[in-house]
């Protein structure tokens, strides 16, 4: 399983609720969580065959930024 991390602007529970359908609807994503207490609002995603660019674009469509970090 692959783990990716993204710096985001997902900063509250309402934001998490808004991104939930997008992330749960992505068949490559098996598990995800957002650390809203971290200043960089780190989104951690686990799964197989995750396309980071596609994932970031799907979040941008609903108003959130996601920048992959190593």
C-alpha atoms as a PDB file:
ATOM      1  CA  UNK A   1       0.000   0.000   0.000  1.00  0.00           C
ATOM      2  CA  UNK A   2       1.186   3.488  -0.859  1.00  0.00           C
ATOM      3  CA  UNK A   3       0.984   6.444   1.557  1.00  0.00           C
ATOM      4  CA  UNK A   4       0.873  10.012   0.257  1.00  0.00           C
ATOM      5  CA  UNK A   5       0.860  13.257   2.235  1.00  0.00           C
ATOM      6  CA  UNK A   6      -0.496  16.603   1.098  1.00  0.00           C
ATOM      7  CA  UNK A   7      -0.326  20.088   2.577  1.00  0.00           C
ATOM      8  CA  UNK A   8      -3.892  21.443   2.353  1.00  0.00           C
ATOM      9  CA  UNK A   9      -6.236  24.220   3.387  1.00  0.00           C
ATOM     10  CA  UNK A  10      -8.742  21.743   4.882  1.00  0.00           C
ATOM     11  CA  UNK A  11      -8.922  23.363   8.306  1.00  0.00           C
ATOM     12  CA  UNK A  12     -12.134  22.418  10.115  1.00  0.00           C
ATOM     13  CA  UNK A  13     -14.724  19.684  10.535  1.00  0.00           C
ATOM     14  CA  UNK A  14     -17.032  21.343   7.987  1.00  0.00           C
ATOM     15  CA  UNK A  15     -14.176  21.242   5.461  1.00  0.00           C
ATOM     16  CA  UNK A  16     -13.563  17.579   6.251  1.00  0.00           C
ATOM     17  CA  UNK A  17     -17.257  16.896   5.696  1.00  0.00           C
ATOM     18  CA  UNK A  18     -17.080  18.640   2.319  1.00  0.00           C
ATOM     19  CA  UNK A  19     -14.067  16.609   1.070  1.00  0.00           C
ATOM     20  CA  UNK A  20     -15.358  13.288   2.429  1.00  0.00           C
ATOM     21  CA  UNK A  21     -17.514  12.397  -0.629  1.00  0.00           C
ATOM     22  CA  UNK A  22     -14.631  13.220  -2.991  1.00  0.00           C
ATOM     23  CA  UNK A  23     -12.073  11.135  -1.102  1.00  0.00           C
ATOM     24  CA  UNK A  24     -14.446   8.271  -0.311  1.00  0.00           C
ATOM     25  CA  UNK A  25     -15.568   8.261  -3.943  1.00  0.00           C
ATOM     26  CA  UNK A  26     -12.022   7.735  -5.210  1.00  0.00           C
ATOM     27  CA  UNK A  27     -11.636   3.971  -5.671  1.00  0.00           C
ATOM     28  CA  UNK A  28      -7.836   4.185  -5.264  1.00  0.00           C
ATOM     29  CA  UNK A  29      -8.150   5.628  -1.744  1.00  0.00           C
ATOM     30  CA  UNK A  30      -8.445   2.992   0.981  1.00  0.00           C
ATOM     31  CA  UNK A  31      -7.947   5.212   4.040  1.00  0.00           C
ATOM     32  CA  UNK A  32      -7.490   8.930   4.639  1.00  0.00           C
ATOM     33  CA  UNK A  33      -7.314  11.485   7.434  1.00  0.00           C
ATOM     34  CA  UNK A  34      -6.658  15.204   7.847  1.00  0.00           C
ATOM     35  CA  UNK A  35      -4.636  16.557  10.754  1.00  0.00           C
ATOM     36  CA  UNK A  36      -6.454  19.875  11.227  1.00  0.00           C
ATOM     37  CA  UNK A  37      -4.348  20.643  14.324  1.00  0.00           C
ATOM     38  CA  UNK A  38      -1.155  20.707  12.233  1.00  0.00           C
ATOM     39  CA  UNK A  39      -0.481  24.226  10.855  1.00  0.00           C
ATOM     40  CA  UNK A  40      -0.027  22.711   7.382  1.00  0.00           C
ATOM     41  CA  UNK A  41      -3.327  20.741   7.601  1.00  0.00           C
ATOM     42  CA  UNK A  42      -1.733  17.478   6.490  1.00  0.00           C
ATOM     43  CA  UNK A  43      -3.928  15.094   4.496  1.00  0.00           C
ATOM     44  CA  UNK A  44      -2.613  11.517   4.660  1.00  0.00           C
ATOM     45  CA  UNK A  45      -3.945   9.069   2.102  1.00  0.00           C
ATOM     46  CA  UNK A  46      -3.328   5.331   1.831  1.00  0.00           C
ATOM     47  CA  UNK A  47      -4.176   3.168  -1.137  1.00  0.00           C
ATOM     48  CA  UNK A  48      -3.022   1.602  -4.364  1.00  0.00           C
ATOM     49  CA  UNK A  49      -2.535   3.370  -7.706  1.00  0.00           C
ATOM     50  CA  UNK A  50      -3.262   6.827  -6.293  1.00  0.00           C
ATOM     51  CA  UNK A  51      -2.676   9.588  -8.838  1.00  0.00           C
ATOM     52  CA  UNK A  52      -1.546  12.614  -6.759  1.00  0.00           C
ATOM     53  CA  UNK A  53      -2.259  15.142  -9.514  1.00  0.00           C
ATOM     54  CA  UNK A  54      -5.747  13.760 -10.164  1.00  0.00           C
ATOM     55  CA  UNK A  55      -6.480  13.791  -6.444  1.00  0.00           C
ATOM     56  CA  UNK A  56      -5.323  17.416  -6.083  1.00  0.00           C
ATOM     57  CA  UNK A  57      -7.433  18.446  -9.088  1.00  0.00           C
ATOM     58  CA  UNK A  58     -10.551  16.779  -7.670  1.00  0.00           C
ATOM     59  CA  UNK A  59     -10.088  18.692  -4.394  1.00  0.00           C
ATOM     60  CA  UNK A  60      -9.468  21.963  -6.259  1.00  0.00           C
ATOM     61  CA  UNK A  61     -12.835  21.557  -7.996  1.00  0.00           C
ATOM     62  CA  UNK A  62     -14.551  21.907  -4.615  1.00  0.00           C
ATOM     63  CA  UNK A  63     -12.320  24.759  -3.411  1.00  0.00           C
ATOM     64  CA  UNK A  64      -9.422  23.077  -1.598  1.00  0.00           C
ATOM     65  CA  UNK A  65      -5.706  23.120  -2.289  1.00  0.00           C
ATOM     66  CA  UNK A  66      -3.604  19.973  -1.946  1.00  0.00           C
ATOM     67  CA  UNK A  67       0.143  20.101  -2.496  1.00  0.00           C
ATOM     68  CA  UNK A  68       1.962  16.781  -2.306  1.00  0.00           C
ATOM     69  CA  UNK A  69       4.833  16.681   0.177  1.00  0.00           C
ATOM     70  CA  UNK A  70       7.560  14.083   0.391  1.00  0.00           C
END
